[in-house]
Amino acid sequence: MDKAQIIARINTFLSEEFEVEPSVITPEASIKDTLGLDSLDFVDLVVLIERHFGFKMAGEDFADIKTFEDFYNYVYARLQQGVGA
């Protein structure tokens, strides 16, 4: 799976799960603010990542994830390490 496919997949499930317009999900946008995430939503996000990409995220993995671009890069790096789908 290349990075463009990962981004498309992430944007699709995030817009559906968090009921936001796909157009507001941009690389530089704040993931927390755009999706309106609270602490329980981060748990949902962990479950979504596991379901869609086959690897688990820990809470501390979110420490450096501020924007969608950070999130894309994190998922892409994890998949490149051979951890996941």
PDB file of N, CA and C in Angstrom:
ATOM      1  N   MET A   1       0.859  -1.175   0.000  1.00  0.00           N
ATOM      2  CA  MET A   1       0.000   0.000   0.000  1.00  0.00           C
ATOM      3  C   MET A   1       0.905   1.237   0.000  1.00  0.00           C
ATOM      4  N   ASP A   2       0.691   2.130  -0.965  1.00  0.00           N
ATOM      5  CA  ASP A   2       1.512   3.334  -0.987  1.00  0.00           C
ATOM      6  C   ASP A   2       0.890   4.427  -0.116  1.00  0.00           C
ATOM      7  N   LYS A   3       1.620   5.512   0.051  1.00  0.00           N
ATOM      8  CA  LYS A   3       1.186   6.560   0.976  1.00  0.00           C
ATOM      9  C   LYS A   3      -0.133   7.193   0.536  1.00  0.00           C
ATOM     10  N   ALA A   4      -0.331   7.390  -0.753  1.00  0.00           N
ATOM     11  CA  ALA A   4      -1.583   7.982  -1.240  1.00  0.00           C
ATOM     12  C   ALA A   4      -2.779   7.087  -0.906  1.00  0.00           C
ATOM     13  N   GLN A   5      -2.600   5.780  -1.016  1.00  0.00           N
ATOM     14  CA  GLN A   5      -3.676   4.848  -0.668  1.00  0.00           C
ATOM     15  C   GLN A   5      -3.963   4.882   0.837  1.00  0.00           C
ATOM     16  N   ILE A   6      -2.913   4.985   1.634  1.00  0.00           N
ATOM     17  CA  ILE A   6      -3.073   5.082   3.092  1.00  0.00           C
ATOM     18  C   ILE A   6      -3.842   6.338   3.452  1.00  0.00           C
ATOM     19  N   ILE A   7      -3.460   7.457   2.855  1.00  0.00           N
ATOM     20  CA  ILE A   7      -4.121   8.731   3.131  1.00  0.00           C
ATOM     21  C   ILE A   7      -5.599   8.657   2.747  1.00  0.00           C
ATOM     22  N   ALA A   8      -5.888   8.123   1.574  1.00  0.00           N
ATOM     23  CA  ALA A   8      -7.280   8.006   1.122  1.00  0.00           C
ATOM     24  C   ALA A   8      -8.090   7.146   2.087  1.00  0.00           C
ATOM     25  N   ARG A   9      -7.511   6.034   2.507  1.00  0.00           N
ATOM     26  CA  ARG A   9      -8.204   5.126   3.423  1.00  0.00           C
ATOM     27  C   ARG A   9      -8.463   5.797   4.774  1.00  0.00           C
ATOM     28  N   ILE A  10      -7.443   6.463   5.305  1.00  0.00           N
ATOM     29  CA  ILE A  10      -7.587   7.171   6.587  1.00  0.00           C
ATOM     30  C   ILE A  10      -8.664   8.242   6.475  1.00  0.00           C
ATOM     31  N   ASN A  11      -8.594   9.061   5.448  1.00  0.00           N
ATOM     32  CA  ASN A  11      -9.565  10.147   5.294  1.00  0.00           C
ATOM     33  C   ASN A  11     -10.990   9.611   5.189  1.00  0.00           C
ATOM     34  N   THR A  12     -11.159   8.506   4.490  1.00  0.00           N
ATOM     35  CA  THR A  12     -12.492   7.931   4.332  1.00  0.00           C
ATOM     36  C   THR A  12     -13.050   7.470   5.664  1.00  0.00           C
ATOM     37  N   PHE A  13     -12.290   6.667   6.405  1.00  0.00           N
ATOM     38  CA  PHE A  13     -12.862   6.158   7.649  1.00  0.00           C
ATOM     39  C   PHE A  13     -12.973   7.229   8.721  1.00  0.00           C
ATOM     40  N   LEU A  14     -12.089   8.228   8.712  1.00  0.00           N
ATOM     41  CA  LEU A  14     -12.219   9.305   9.698  1.00  0.00           C
ATOM     42  C   LEU A  14     -13.436  10.172   9.412  1.00  0.00           C
ATOM     43  N   SER A  15     -13.673  10.488   8.152  1.00  0.00           N
ATOM     44  CA  SER A  15     -14.832  11.328   7.829  1.00  0.00           C
ATOM     45  C   SER A  15     -16.130  10.600   8.146  1.00  0.00           C
ATOM     46  N   GLU A  16     -16.157   9.292   7.917  1.00  0.00           N
ATOM     47  CA  GLU A  16     -17.360   8.516   8.233  1.00  0.00           C
ATOM     48  C   GLU A  16     -17.552   8.350   9.735  1.00  0.00           C
ATOM     49  N   GLU A  17     -16.509   7.955  10.426  1.00  0.00           N
ATOM     50  CA  GLU A  17     -16.604   7.660  11.858  1.00  0.00           C
ATOM     51  C   GLU A  17     -16.883   8.915  12.690  1.00  0.00           C
ATOM     52  N   PHE A  18     -16.222  10.017  12.340  1.00  0.00           N
ATOM     53  CA  PHE A  18     -16.349  11.237  13.136  1.00  0.00           C
ATOM     54  C   PHE A  18     -17.295  12.259  12.504  1.00  0.00           C
ATOM     55  N   GLU A  19     -17.950  11.848  11.415  1.00  0.00           N
ATOM     56  CA  GLU A  19     -18.980  12.654  10.762  1.00  0.00           C
ATOM     57  C   GLU A  19     -18.520  14.076  10.437  1.00  0.00           C
ATOM     58  N   VAL A  20     -17.392  14.150   9.731  1.00  0.00           N
ATOM     59  CA  VAL A  20     -16.891  15.429   9.242  1.00  0.00           C
ATOM     60  C   VAL A  20     -16.788  15.352   7.726  1.00  0.00           C
ATOM     61  N   GLU A  21     -16.874  16.501   7.102  1.00  0.00           N
ATOM     62  CA  GLU A  21     -16.724  16.565   5.655  1.00  0.00           C
ATOM     63  C   GLU A  21     -15.285  16.212   5.279  1.00  0.00           C
ATOM     64  N   PRO A  22     -15.103  15.386   4.282  1.00  0.00           N
ATOM     65  CA  PRO A  22     -13.741  15.031   3.870  1.00  0.00           C
ATOM     66  C   PRO A  22     -12.881  16.249   3.532  1.00  0.00           C
ATOM     67  N   SER A  23     -13.505  17.325   3.062  1.00  0.00           N
ATOM     68  CA  SER A  23     -12.753  18.515   2.670  1.00  0.00           C
ATOM     69  C   SER A  23     -12.051  19.205   3.836  1.00  0.00           C
ATOM     70  N   VAL A  24     -12.484  18.961   5.075  1.00  0.00           N
ATOM     71  CA  VAL A  24     -11.832  19.600   6.227  1.00  0.00           C
ATOM     72  C   VAL A  24     -10.623  18.807   6.705  1.00  0.00           C
ATOM     73  N   ILE A  25     -10.462  17.603   6.184  1.00  0.00           N
ATOM     74  CA  ILE A  25      -9.309  16.777   6.552  1.00  0.00           C
ATOM     75  C   ILE A  25      -8.179  17.106   5.587  1.00  0.00           C
ATOM     76  N   THR A  26      -7.314  18.004   6.026  1.00  0.00           N
ATOM     77  CA  THR A  26      -6.173  18.426   5.221  1.00  0.00           C
ATOM     78  C   THR A  26      -4.892  18.116   5.992  1.00  0.00           C
ATOM     79  N   PRO A  27      -3.787  17.934   5.290  1.00  0.00           N
ATOM     80  CA  PRO A  27      -2.547  17.542   5.974  1.00  0.00           C
ATOM     81  C   PRO A  27      -2.149  18.453   7.135  1.00  0.00           C
ATOM     82  N   GLU A  28      -2.341  19.758   6.981  1.00  0.00           N
ATOM     83  CA  GLU A  28      -1.887  20.696   8.013  1.00  0.00           C
ATOM     84  C   GLU A  28      -2.900  20.932   9.133  1.00  0.00           C
ATOM     85  N   ALA A  29      -4.105  20.410   8.999  1.00  0.00           N
ATOM     86  CA  ALA A  29      -5.156  20.630  10.005  1.00  0.00           C
ATOM     87  C   ALA A  29      -4.866  19.832  11.282  1.00  0.00           C
ATOM     88  N   SER A  30      -5.294  20.395  12.395  1.00  0.00           N
ATOM     89  CA  SER A  30      -5.168  19.719  13.682  1.00  0.00           C
ATOM     90  C   SER A  30      -6.133  18.545  13.725  1.00  0.00           C
ATOM     91  N   ILE A  31      -5.614  17.368  14.009  1.00  0.00           N
ATOM     92  CA  ILE A  31      -6.466  16.186  14.049  1.00  0.00           C
ATOM     93  C   ILE A  31      -7.463  16.283  15.208  1.00  0.00           C
ATOM     94  N   LYS A  32      -7.006  16.764  16.339  1.00  0.00           N
ATOM     95  CA  LYS A  32      -7.868  16.860  17.521  1.00  0.00           C
ATOM     96  C   LYS A  32      -8.993  17.869  17.300  1.00  0.00           C
ATOM     97  N   ASP A  33      -8.650  19.047  16.809  1.00  0.00           N
ATOM     98  CA  ASP A  33      -9.652  20.096  16.608  1.00  0.00           C
ATOM     99  C   ASP A  33     -10.613  19.767  15.462  1.00  0.00           C
ATOM    100  N   THR A  34     -10.086  19.257  14.367  1.00  0.00           N
ATOM    101  CA  THR A  34     -10.912  18.969  13.203  1.00  0.00           C
ATOM    102  C   THR A  34     -11.939  17.883  13.495  1.00  0.00           C
ATOM    103  N   LEU A  35     -11.502  16.849  14.207  1.00  0.00           N
ATOM    104  CA  LEU A  35     -12.405  15.742  14.509  1.00  0.00           C
ATOM    105  C   LEU A  35     -13.146  15.930  15.825  1.00  0.00           C
ATOM    106  N   GLY A  36     -12.775  16.953  16.595  1.00  0.00           N
ATOM    107  CA  GLY A  36     -13.418  17.189  17.882  1.00  0.00           C
ATOM    108  C   GLY A  36     -13.159  16.052  18.859  1.00  0.00           C
ATOM    109  N   LEU A  37     -11.925  15.574  18.898  1.00  0.00           N
ATOM    110  CA  LEU A  37     -11.587  14.402  19.702  1.00  0.00           C
ATOM    111  C   LEU A  37     -11.529  14.704  21.196  1.00  0.00           C
ATOM    112  N   ASP A  38     -12.128  13.812  21.969  1.00  0.00           N
ATOM    113  CA  ASP A  38     -11.930  13.820  23.408  1.00  0.00           C
ATOM    114  C   ASP A  38     -11.197  12.521  23.747  1.00  0.00           C
ATOM    115  N   SER A  39     -10.954  12.264  25.027  1.00  0.00           N
ATOM    116  CA  SER A  39     -10.151  11.093  25.398  1.00  0.00           C
ATOM    117  C   SER A  39     -10.778   9.780  24.936  1.00  0.00           C
ATOM    118  N   LEU A  40     -12.105   9.679  24.975  1.00  0.00           N
ATOM    119  CA  LEU A  40     -12.762   8.451  24.507  1.00  0.00           C
ATOM    120  C   LEU A  40     -12.643   8.276  23.001  1.00  0.00           C
ATOM    121  N   ASP A  41     -12.627   9.382  22.283  1.00  0.00           N
ATOM    122  CA  ASP A  41     -12.480   9.306  20.831  1.00  0.00           C
ATOM    123  C   ASP A  41     -11.114   8.762  20.431  1.00  0.00           C
ATOM    124  N   PHE A  42     -10.098   9.036  21.245  1.00  0.00           N
ATOM    125  CA  PHE A  42      -8.775   8.489  20.941  1.00  0.00           C
ATOM    126  C   PHE A  42      -8.805   6.965  21.027  1.00  0.00           C
ATOM    127  N   VAL A  43      -9.592   6.429  21.946  1.00  0.00           N
ATOM    128  CA  VAL A  43      -9.754   4.975  22.041  1.00  0.00           C
ATOM    129  C   VAL A  43     -10.387   4.452  20.754  1.00  0.00           C
ATOM    130  N   ASP A  44     -11.421   5.152  20.277  1.00  0.00           N
ATOM    131  CA  ASP A  44     -12.056   4.764  19.013  1.00  0.00           C
ATOM    132  C   ASP A  44     -11.054   4.793  17.859  1.00  0.00           C
ATOM    133  N   LEU A  45     -10.201   5.804  17.863  1.00  0.00           N
ATOM    134  CA  LEU A  45      -9.204   5.941  16.809  1.00  0.00           C
ATOM    135  C   LEU A  45      -8.226   4.767  16.832  1.00  0.00           C
ATOM    136  N   VAL A  46      -7.824   4.344  18.023  1.00  0.00           N
ATOM    137  CA  VAL A  46      -6.941   3.190  18.161  1.00  0.00           C
ATOM    138  C   VAL A  46      -7.609   1.944  17.569  1.00  0.00           C
ATOM    139  N   VAL A  47      -8.878   1.752  17.868  1.00  0.00           N
ATOM    140  CA  VAL A  47      -9.625   0.598  17.350  1.00  0.00           C
ATOM    141  C   VAL A  47      -9.717   0.675  15.821  1.00  0.00           C
ATOM    142  N   LEU A  48      -9.973   1.854  15.289  1.00  0.00           N
ATOM    143  CA  LEU A  48     -10.069   2.022  13.838  1.00  0.00           C
ATOM    144  C   LEU A  48      -8.749   1.683  13.145  1.00  0.00           C
ATOM    145  N   ILE A  49      -7.654   2.131  13.723  1.00  0.00           N
ATOM    146  CA  ILE A  49      -6.346   1.851  13.124  1.00  0.00           C
ATOM    147  C   ILE A  49      -6.089   0.345  13.124  1.00  0.00           C
ATOM    148  N   GLU A  50      -6.404  -0.288  14.239  1.00  0.00           N
ATOM    149  CA  GLU A  50      -6.203  -1.733  14.299  1.00  0.00           C
ATOM    150  C   GLU A  50      -7.070  -2.455  13.273  1.00  0.00           C
ATOM    151  N   ARG A  51      -8.322  -2.036  13.157  1.00  0.00           N
ATOM    152  CA  ARG A  51      -9.240  -2.678  12.221  1.00  0.00           C
ATOM    153  C   ARG A  51      -8.804  -2.483  10.771  1.00  0.00           C
ATOM    154  N   HIS A  52      -8.373  -1.273  10.434  1.00  0.00           N
ATOM    155  CA  HIS A  52      -8.054  -0.965   9.033  1.00  0.00           C
ATOM    156  C   HIS A  52      -6.633  -1.322   8.621  1.00  0.00           C
ATOM    157  N   PHE A  53      -5.695  -1.293   9.586  1.00  0.00           N
ATOM    158  CA  PHE A  53      -4.294  -1.500   9.212  1.00  0.00           C
ATOM    159  C   PHE A  53      -3.617  -2.661   9.940  1.00  0.00           C
ATOM    160  N   GLY A  54      -4.275  -3.244  10.929  1.00  0.00           N
ATOM    161  CA  GLY A  54      -3.756  -4.450  11.547  1.00  0.00           C
ATOM    162  C   GLY A  54      -2.672  -4.278  12.588  1.00  0.00           C
ATOM    163  N   PHE A  55      -2.472  -3.075  13.115  1.00  0.00           N
ATOM    164  CA  PHE A  55      -1.521  -2.913  14.207  1.00  0.00           C
ATOM    165  C   PHE A  55      -2.143  -2.072  15.308  1.00  0.00           C
ATOM    166  N   LYS A  56      -1.602  -2.240  16.506  1.00  0.00           N
ATOM    167  CA  LYS A  56      -2.108  -1.507  17.662  1.00  0.00           C
ATOM    168  C   LYS A  56      -1.307  -0.233  17.875  1.00  0.00           C
ATOM    169  N   MET A  57      -2.006   0.798  18.309  1.00  0.00           N
ATOM    170  CA  MET A  57      -1.361   2.047  18.717  1.00  0.00           C
ATOM    171  C   MET A  57      -1.495   2.144  20.227  1.00  0.00           C
ATOM    172  N   ALA A  58      -0.490   2.699  20.857  1.00  0.00           N
ATOM    173  CA  ALA A  58      -0.558   2.961  22.294  1.00  0.00           C
ATOM    174  C   ALA A  58      -0.883   4.435  22.488  1.00  0.00           C
ATOM    175  N   GLY A  59      -1.411   4.772  23.644  1.00  0.00           N
ATOM    176  CA  GLY A  59      -1.751   6.160  23.930  1.00  0.00           C
ATOM    177  C   GLY A  59      -0.589   7.112  23.729  1.00  0.00           C
ATOM    178  N   GLU A  60       0.604   6.660  24.116  1.00  0.00           N
ATOM    179  CA  GLU A  60       1.772   7.531  23.976  1.00  0.00           C
ATOM    180  C   GLU A  60       2.151   7.779  22.524  1.00  0.00           C
ATOM    181  N   ASP A  61       1.663   6.930  21.609  1.00  0.00           N
ATOM    182  CA  ASP A  61       1.923   7.156  20.187  1.00  0.00           C
ATOM    183  C   ASP A  61       1.317   8.469  19.704  1.00  0.00           C
ATOM    184  N   PHE A  62       0.284   8.935  20.405  1.00  0.00           N
ATOM    185  CA  PHE A  62      -0.378  10.171  20.003  1.00  0.00           C
ATOM    186  C   PHE A  62       0.355  11.423  20.460  1.00  0.00           C
ATOM    187  N   ALA A  63       1.364  11.286  21.294  1.00  0.00           N
ATOM    188  CA  ALA A  63       2.064  12.446  21.845  1.00  0.00           C
ATOM    189  C   ALA A  63       2.612  13.366  20.752  1.00  0.00           C
ATOM    190  N   ASP A  64       3.125  12.781  19.693  1.00  0.00           N
ATOM    191  CA  ASP A  64       3.723  13.584  18.622  1.00  0.00           C
ATOM    192  C   ASP A  64       2.806  13.784  17.425  1.00  0.00           C
ATOM    193  N   ILE A  65       1.590  13.290  17.506  1.00  0.00           N
ATOM    194  CA  ILE A  65       0.653  13.420  16.389  1.00  0.00           C
ATOM    195  C   ILE A  65      -0.251  14.616  16.638  1.00  0.00           C
ATOM    196  N   LYS A  66      -0.004  15.680  15.901  1.00  0.00           N
ATOM    197  CA  LYS A  66      -0.798  16.907  16.046  1.00  0.00           C
ATOM    198  C   LYS A  66      -1.671  17.164  14.820  1.00  0.00           C
ATOM    199  N   THR A  67      -1.121  16.884  13.652  1.00  0.00           N
ATOM    200  CA  THR A  67      -1.827  17.161  12.399  1.00  0.00           C
ATOM    201  C   THR A  67      -2.136  15.853  11.674  1.00  0.00           C
ATOM    202  N   PHE A  68      -2.968  15.953  10.667  1.00  0.00           N
ATOM    203  CA  PHE A  68      -3.255  14.771   9.854  1.00  0.00           C
ATOM    204  C   PHE A  68      -1.985  14.269   9.174  1.00  0.00           C
ATOM    205  N   GLU A  69      -1.119  15.185   8.758  1.00  0.00           N
ATOM    206  CA  GLU A  69       0.146  14.779   8.130  1.00  0.00           C
ATOM    207  C   GLU A  69       0.977  13.944   9.096  1.00  0.00           C
ATOM    208  N   ASP A  70       1.025  14.339  10.372  1.00  0.00           N
ATOM    209  CA  ASP A  70       1.723  13.546  11.389  1.00  0.00           C
ATOM    210  C   ASP A  70       1.118  12.145  11.467  1.00  0.00           C
ATOM    211  N   PHE A  71      -0.206  12.088  11.426  1.00  0.00           N
ATOM    212  CA  PHE A  71      -0.916  10.820  11.525  1.00  0.00           C
ATOM    213  C   PHE A  71      -0.626   9.938  10.313  1.00  0.00           C
ATOM    214  N   TYR A  72      -0.691  10.529   9.113  1.00  0.00           N
ATOM    215  CA  TYR A  72      -0.380   9.781   7.892  1.00  0.00           C
ATOM    216  C   TYR A  72       1.039   9.215   7.964  1.00  0.00           C
ATOM    217  N   ASN A  73       1.977  10.068   8.374  1.00  0.00           N
ATOM    218  CA  ASN A  73       3.377   9.651   8.432  1.00  0.00           C
ATOM    219  C   ASN A  73       3.577   8.523   9.445  1.00  0.00           C
ATOM    220  N   TYR A  74       2.894   8.619  10.574  1.00  0.00           N
ATOM    221  CA  TYR A  74       2.989   7.580  11.597  1.00  0.00           C
ATOM    222  C   TYR A  74       2.495   6.237  11.046  1.00  0.00           C
ATOM    223  N   VAL A  75       1.307   6.240  10.455  1.00  0.00           N
ATOM    224  CA  VAL A  75       0.732   4.996   9.926  1.00  0.00           C
ATOM    225  C   VAL A  75       1.623   4.446   8.811  1.00  0.00           C
ATOM    226  N   TYR A  76       2.064   5.309   7.922  1.00  0.00           N
ATOM    227  CA  TYR A  76       2.927   4.880   6.819  1.00  0.00           C
ATOM    228  C   TYR A  76       4.221   4.256   7.353  1.00  0.00           C
ATOM    229  N   ALA A  77       4.840   4.896   8.337  1.00  0.00           N
ATOM    230  CA  ALA A  77       6.084   4.374   8.906  1.00  0.00           C
ATOM    231  C   ALA A  77       5.851   3.010   9.560  1.00  0.00           C
ATOM    232  N   ARG A  78       4.767   2.873  10.294  1.00  0.00           N
ATOM    233  CA  ARG A  78       4.475   1.591  10.938  1.00  0.00           C
ATOM    234  C   ARG A  78       4.266   0.492   9.893  1.00  0.00           C
ATOM    235  N   LEU A  79       3.579   0.807   8.833  1.00  0.00           N
ATOM    236  CA  LEU A  79       3.355  -0.195   7.782  1.00  0.00           C
ATOM    237  C   LEU A  79       4.662  -0.525   7.051  1.00  0.00           C
ATOM    238  N   GLN A  80       5.534   0.454   6.887  1.00  0.00           N
ATOM    239  CA  GLN A  80       6.817   0.214   6.235  1.00  0.00           C
ATOM    240  C   GLN A  80       7.728  -0.665   7.082  1.00  0.00           C
ATOM    241  N   GLN A  81       7.540  -0.618   8.403  1.00  0.00           N
ATOM    242  CA  GLN A  81       8.325  -1.459   9.303  1.00  0.00           C
ATOM    243  C   GLN A  81       7.840  -2.911   9.268  1.00  0.00           C
ATOM    244  N   GLY A  82       6.797  -3.154   8.512  1.00  0.00           N
ATOM    245  CA  GLY A  82       6.271  -4.501   8.415  1.00  0.00           C
ATOM    246  C   GLY A  82       5.346  -4.861   9.555  1.00  0.00           C
ATOM    247  N   VAL A  83       4.897  -3.835  10.281  1.00  0.00           N
ATOM    248  CA  VAL A  83       3.979  -4.057  11.387  1.00  0.00           C
ATOM    249  C   VAL A  83       2.600  -3.712  10.875  1.00  0.00           C
ATOM    250  N   GLY A  84       1.802  -4.711  10.604  1.00  0.00           N
ATOM    251  CA  GLY A  84       0.439  -4.422  10.139  1.00  0.00           C
ATOM    252  C   GLY A  84       0.104  -5.171   8.887  1.00  0.00           C
ATOM    253  N   ALA A  85      -0.898  -4.607   8.226  1.00  0.00           N
ATOM    254  CA  ALA A  85      -1.487  -5.275   7.069  1.00  0.00           C
ATOM    255  C   ALA A  85      -0.509  -5.451   5.929  1.00  0.00           C
TER     256      ALA A  85
END
